[in-house]
Amino acid sequence: MSKKVILVVLDGLSYSVAHHCMGYLNGLIKADSATLYKLECELPSMSRPLYECILTGIPPVESGIVNNEIVRLSHFDSIFSLARLAGKTTAAAAYYWVSELYNRAPFVANRDRFTHDESLTIQHGCFYQADHYPDDHLFMDAEYLRSQYSPDFLLIHPMNIDDVGHKFGFDSPQYRNTARHADIILSNYIPTWIEQDYQILITSDHGMNNDRSHGGTLPEECSVPLFVIGSQFSHQPCDIEQTAICGTICRLLGIDSLNKSVCEGLLQGESHG
């Protein structure tokens, strides 16, 4: 197969809140247009280590990106680099740590905020630095990249759910309502993406706890959602690891995933397990 893929990483979104609060996405499930899986994030349940995990398939203790303060380029093949090697076009509307992992480190806002450079791993980027940068603005940035550059792989990474979780905690109306708002924003874009046969994965890096933080092993920190939408998914029960997202997306893109783990049961035409 060779399809275009959109990966949405809703930073800080716990599985239970996704399941109970995101009515549009769950409506797609009810209409047999999407499937929700529960997966456990790798440890530590922190952002930069798990961006690297999702995008390379390498857990933090092996990647060396074991906390948020490690500022350097990734040492491993990522979805972006493998797509570029295959001649595909890459784009990201994301927090600036993603730019530091795959384009240039450290991030220099005046140089890197808006990136359009065919020689870089992420060729087209809109990167933001403020955790409260509005999610609806971020999705507009992403749609600009999608419509103008038609990337084969597009990462969309908004931060408001995580930001509000740090301010109010897991069991708060503010945290749940920010997830509901993200669901509304997604409802404005997903119908077009479906119509154009994108393969869509919506997940999170980690969840949130009532201490207004994350990093440990509590279920609300570690259980995260994976919604899949698209013609190439099996929509059947299967077990998927966070480390398999990278290789599975490479398979959807029709590119060599090298030695990356692939969740065969997630994909159409593969055996379920």
Protein backbone atom coordinates (compact mmCIF):
# COMPACT_ATOMS: atom_id res chain seq x y z
CA MET A 1 0.00 0.00 0.00
CA SER A 2 1.02 3.62 -0.42
CA LYS A 3 -1.26 6.15 1.22
CA LYS A 4 -0.92 9.60 2.67
CA VAL A 5 -0.96 9.64 6.47
CA ILE A 6 -1.95 12.23 9.07
CA LEU A 7 -0.77 11.60 12.63
CA VAL A 8 -2.42 13.74 15.32
CA VAL A 9 -0.73 13.68 18.73
CA LEU A 10 -3.02 15.34 21.27
CA ASP A 11 -0.44 16.08 23.94
CA GLY A 12 -1.34 14.94 27.45
CA LEU A 13 -4.62 13.19 26.62
CA SER A 14 -5.55 10.29 28.89
CA TYR A 15 -7.45 7.32 27.44
CA SER A 16 -10.43 7.65 29.77
CA VAL A 17 -10.98 11.30 28.90
CA ALA A 18 -10.74 10.54 25.17
CA HIS A 19 -13.25 7.73 25.59
CA HIS A 20 -15.76 9.70 27.65
CA CYS A 21 -15.43 13.27 26.37
CA MET A 22 -14.70 13.20 22.63
CA GLY A 23 -18.18 12.84 21.17
CA TYR A 24 -17.34 13.36 17.50
CA LEU A 25 -14.59 10.74 17.42
CA ASN A 26 -16.77 8.31 19.34
CA GLY A 27 -19.61 9.10 16.93
CA LEU A 28 -17.37 7.97 14.08
CA ILE A 29 -16.86 4.72 15.97
CA LYS A 30 -20.61 4.29 16.34
CA ALA A 31 -20.92 4.84 12.58
CA ASP A 32 -18.25 2.17 11.90
CA SER A 33 -15.90 4.83 10.50
CA ALA A 34 -13.26 4.71 13.25
CA THR A 35 -11.86 2.38 15.90
CA LEU A 36 -10.44 3.24 19.32
CA TYR A 37 -7.63 1.22 20.87
CA LYS A 38 -6.07 1.60 24.30
CA LEU A 39 -2.30 1.52 24.49
CA GLU A 40 0.24 2.04 27.23
CA CYS A 41 2.87 4.69 26.73
CA GLU A 42 6.53 3.94 27.25
CA LEU A 43 8.38 5.25 30.31
CA PRO A 44 9.07 7.82 31.51
CA SER A 45 5.65 9.21 30.60
CA MET A 46 7.09 12.54 29.49
CA SER A 47 6.72 14.54 26.31
CA ARG A 48 10.06 14.79 24.51
CA PRO A 49 11.00 11.16 25.22
CA LEU A 50 7.65 10.00 23.85
CA TYR A 51 7.72 12.20 20.75
CA GLU A 52 10.92 10.35 19.95
CA CYS A 53 9.29 7.01 20.77
CA ILE A 54 6.22 7.60 18.61
CA LEU A 55 8.21 8.91 15.66
CA THR A 56 11.13 6.44 15.74
CA GLY A 57 9.71 3.37 17.51
CA ILE A 58 12.56 3.50 20.04
CA PRO A 59 11.65 3.55 23.76
CA PRO A 60 13.23 6.34 25.85
CA VAL A 61 15.66 4.15 27.76
CA GLU A 62 17.14 3.07 24.41
CA SER A 63 16.92 6.39 22.54
CA GLY A 64 18.66 8.32 25.31
CA ILE A 65 15.95 10.98 25.23
CA VAL A 66 14.94 10.23 28.81
CA ASN A 67 13.71 13.65 29.96
CA ASN A 68 12.45 16.92 28.54
CA GLU A 69 15.73 18.77 29.08
CA ILE A 70 17.78 16.77 26.56
CA VAL A 71 18.12 19.07 23.55
CA ARG A 72 19.69 17.34 20.57
CA LEU A 73 18.82 15.71 17.28
CA SER A 74 17.53 12.15 17.31
CA HIS A 75 20.10 9.42 16.71
CA PHE A 76 17.58 7.13 15.01
CA ASP A 77 15.60 6.79 11.80
CA SER A 78 12.19 8.46 12.14
CA ILE A 79 9.03 8.43 10.06
CA PHE A 80 10.23 11.77 8.68
CA SER A 81 13.71 10.57 7.67
CA LEU A 82 12.47 7.28 6.21
CA ALA A 83 9.79 9.11 4.22
CA ARG A 84 12.40 11.54 2.91
CA LEU A 85 14.69 8.65 1.95
CA ALA A 86 11.81 7.23 -0.09
CA GLY A 87 11.26 10.55 -1.87
CA LYS A 88 8.14 11.46 0.08
CA THR A 89 7.15 14.93 1.29
CA THR A 90 7.06 15.61 5.04
CA ALA A 91 5.39 18.30 7.14
CA ALA A 92 4.61 19.09 10.77
CA ALA A 93 2.57 21.63 12.70
CA ALA A 94 4.02 20.92 16.12
CA TYR A 95 5.72 22.05 19.31
CA TYR A 96 9.28 23.22 18.76
CA TRP A 97 10.78 20.17 20.48
CA VAL A 98 9.82 18.18 17.35
CA SER A 99 11.94 20.54 15.26
CA GLU A 100 14.81 20.06 17.71
CA LEU A 101 14.58 16.29 17.40
CA TYR A 102 14.46 16.06 13.59
CA ASN A 103 15.54 19.33 11.95
CA ARG A 104 17.89 21.58 13.95
CA ALA A 105 18.85 21.89 17.62
CA PRO A 106 18.61 24.14 19.46
CA PHE A 107 15.47 25.79 18.06
CA VAL A 108 15.97 29.36 16.84
CA ALA A 109 12.53 30.91 16.51
CA ASN A 110 13.34 33.49 13.84
CA ARG A 111 14.92 30.78 11.70
CA ASP A 112 12.81 27.74 12.48
CA ARG A 113 9.29 28.93 13.34
CA PHE A 114 8.26 28.63 9.69
CA THR A 115 10.31 26.04 7.81
CA HIS A 116 10.25 25.36 4.08
CA ASP A 117 13.45 23.60 3.12
CA GLU A 118 13.55 20.52 0.89
CA SER A 119 16.89 19.47 2.40
CA LEU A 120 15.56 19.12 5.95
CA THR A 121 14.02 16.00 7.45
CA ILE A 122 10.78 17.90 8.12
CA GLN A 123 10.58 19.89 4.91
CA HIS A 124 7.57 22.04 5.75
CA GLY A 125 6.90 23.11 9.32
CA CYS A 126 4.97 25.50 11.51
CA PHE A 127 6.51 25.21 14.98
CA TYR A 128 5.30 27.00 18.12
CA GLN A 129 6.90 27.63 21.52
CA ALA A 130 4.03 28.67 23.85
CA ASP A 131 2.19 25.78 25.50
CA HIS A 132 -1.01 27.87 25.42
CA TYR A 133 -0.74 28.46 21.64
CA PRO A 134 -4.40 27.90 20.69
CA ASP A 135 -5.23 24.46 19.34
CA ASP A 136 -7.54 25.94 16.69
CA HIS A 137 -4.63 28.06 15.39
CA LEU A 138 -2.39 25.00 15.31
CA PHE A 139 -4.91 23.04 13.24
CA MET A 140 -5.15 25.98 10.83
CA ASP A 141 -1.36 25.88 10.53
CA ALA A 142 -1.59 22.18 9.76
CA GLU A 143 -4.32 22.62 7.18
CA TYR A 144 -2.24 25.30 5.48
CA LEU A 145 0.66 22.85 5.22
CA ARG A 146 -1.63 20.08 3.98
CA SER A 147 -3.37 22.16 1.33
CA GLN A 148 -0.28 24.00 0.10
CA TYR A 149 2.32 21.22 0.08
CA SER A 150 0.29 17.99 -0.04
CA PRO A 151 2.66 16.11 2.28
CA ASP A 152 2.70 12.34 2.27
CA PHE A 153 3.20 12.43 6.04
CA LEU A 154 1.80 15.22 8.20
CA LEU A 155 2.23 15.45 11.97
CA ILE A 156 -0.26 17.63 13.87
CA HIS A 157 0.66 18.22 17.50
CA PRO A 158 -1.43 20.62 19.65
CA MET A 159 -0.56 21.30 23.31
CA ASN A 160 -3.62 22.78 25.05
CA ILE A 161 -4.86 19.56 26.71
CA ASP A 162 -1.48 19.05 28.37
CA ASP A 163 -1.17 22.74 29.27
CA VAL A 164 -4.57 22.82 30.98
CA GLY A 165 -3.84 19.49 32.71
CA HIS A 166 -0.73 21.01 34.27
CA LYS A 167 -2.79 23.95 35.49
CA PHE A 168 -5.87 22.11 36.80
CA GLY A 169 -5.10 18.37 36.97
CA PHE A 170 -6.56 15.21 35.51
CA ASP A 171 -9.89 15.19 37.35
CA SER A 172 -10.93 18.73 36.44
CA PRO A 173 -13.65 20.20 34.22
CA GLN A 174 -11.02 22.37 32.55
CA TYR A 175 -8.99 19.33 31.43
CA ARG A 176 -12.05 17.47 30.17
CA ASN A 177 -13.46 20.53 28.41
CA THR A 178 -10.17 21.16 26.60
CA ALA A 179 -10.37 17.60 25.25
CA ARG A 180 -13.95 18.29 24.17
CA HIS A 181 -12.75 21.42 22.38
CA ALA A 182 -10.08 19.44 20.51
CA ASP A 183 -12.78 16.99 19.45
CA ILE A 184 -14.85 19.87 18.02
CA ILE A 185 -11.83 21.21 16.13
CA LEU A 186 -11.14 17.76 14.67
CA SER A 187 -14.76 17.54 13.48
CA ASN A 188 -14.09 20.50 11.18
CA TYR A 189 -11.23 18.76 9.37
CA ILE A 190 -11.67 15.00 9.50
CA PRO A 191 -14.55 14.78 6.96
CA THR A 192 -12.30 16.35 4.31
CA TRP A 193 -9.42 14.08 5.25
CA ILE A 194 -11.67 11.04 4.98
CA GLU A 195 -13.02 12.19 1.62
CA GLN A 196 -9.47 12.47 0.32
CA ASP A 197 -8.58 8.97 1.62
CA TYR A 198 -5.99 9.98 4.18
CA GLN A 199 -5.12 7.33 6.74
CA ILE A 200 -5.58 9.07 10.09
CA LEU A 201 -4.15 8.14 13.49
CA ILE A 202 -5.08 10.20 16.56
CA THR A 203 -3.17 9.40 19.73
CA SER A 204 -1.32 10.96 22.65
CA ASP A 205 2.17 10.85 24.05
CA HIS A 206 1.05 10.39 27.68
CA GLY A 207 -1.80 11.23 30.04
CA MET A 208 -2.10 13.38 33.16
CA ASN A 209 -2.41 12.91 36.94
CA ASN A 210 -4.09 14.79 39.77
CA ASP A 211 -0.76 16.25 40.86
CA ARG A 212 -0.99 18.26 37.63
CA SER A 213 1.95 16.39 36.14
CA HIS A 214 3.03 13.11 34.59
CA GLY A 215 6.15 10.99 34.26
CA GLY A 216 5.32 7.91 36.29
CA THR A 217 3.26 4.74 36.02
CA LEU A 218 -0.27 5.68 37.12
CA PRO A 219 -2.98 4.46 34.70
CA GLU A 220 -4.17 8.01 34.05
CA GLU A 221 -0.59 8.92 33.08
CA CYS A 222 0.16 5.87 30.94
CA SER A 223 -3.09 4.76 29.26
CA VAL A 224 -3.54 6.72 26.05
CA PRO A 225 -5.95 6.48 23.12
CA LEU A 226 -5.32 5.52 19.53
CA PHE A 227 -8.17 6.33 17.15
CA VAL A 228 -7.68 5.07 13.59
CA ILE A 229 -9.70 6.22 10.60
CA GLY A 230 -9.18 5.06 7.03
CA SER A 231 -9.59 2.37 4.41
CA GLN A 232 -6.30 0.61 5.18
CA PHE A 233 -7.06 -0.24 8.81
CA SER A 234 -8.56 -3.59 9.84
CA HIS A 235 -10.77 -2.01 12.52
CA GLN A 236 -10.48 -5.32 14.35
CA PRO A 237 -9.35 -6.00 17.93
CA CYS A 238 -5.58 -6.12 18.30
CA ASP A 239 -2.83 -5.22 20.72
CA ILE A 240 -0.60 -2.33 19.71
CA GLU A 241 2.47 -0.95 21.40
CA GLN A 242 3.44 2.72 21.26
CA THR A 243 6.74 1.58 19.73
CA ALA A 244 4.84 0.10 16.76
CA ILE A 245 3.24 3.37 15.62
CA CYS A 246 6.33 4.38 13.62
CA GLY A 247 6.67 1.13 11.65
CA THR A 248 2.93 0.85 11.09
CA ILE A 249 2.83 4.37 9.59
CA CYS A 250 5.80 3.48 7.39
CA ARG A 251 3.84 0.46 6.13
CA LEU A 252 0.86 2.72 5.33
CA LEU A 253 3.16 5.10 3.46
CA GLY A 254 4.51 2.21 1.42
CA ILE A 255 8.09 2.81 2.52
CA ASP A 256 10.78 0.58 3.99
CA SER A 257 10.40 0.57 7.77
CA LEU A 258 13.80 -1.13 8.13
CA ASN A 259 13.74 -2.93 11.49
CA LYS A 260 10.81 -0.99 12.96
CA SER A 261 8.05 -2.91 14.71
CA VAL A 262 4.76 -3.05 12.77
CA CYS A 263 1.36 -3.88 14.26
CA GLU A 264 0.15 -6.24 11.55
CA GLY A 265 -3.28 -6.69 13.15
CA LEU A 266 -4.02 -2.98 12.84
CA LEU A 267 -3.82 -3.09 9.06
CA GLN A 268 -6.26 -4.25 6.38
CA GLY A 269 -5.52 -7.63 4.90
CA GLU A 270 -3.17 -8.66 7.70
CA SER A 271 -3.73 -11.40 10.26
CA HIS A 272 -5.28 -10.13 13.46
CA GLY A 273 -3.59 -10.63 16.80
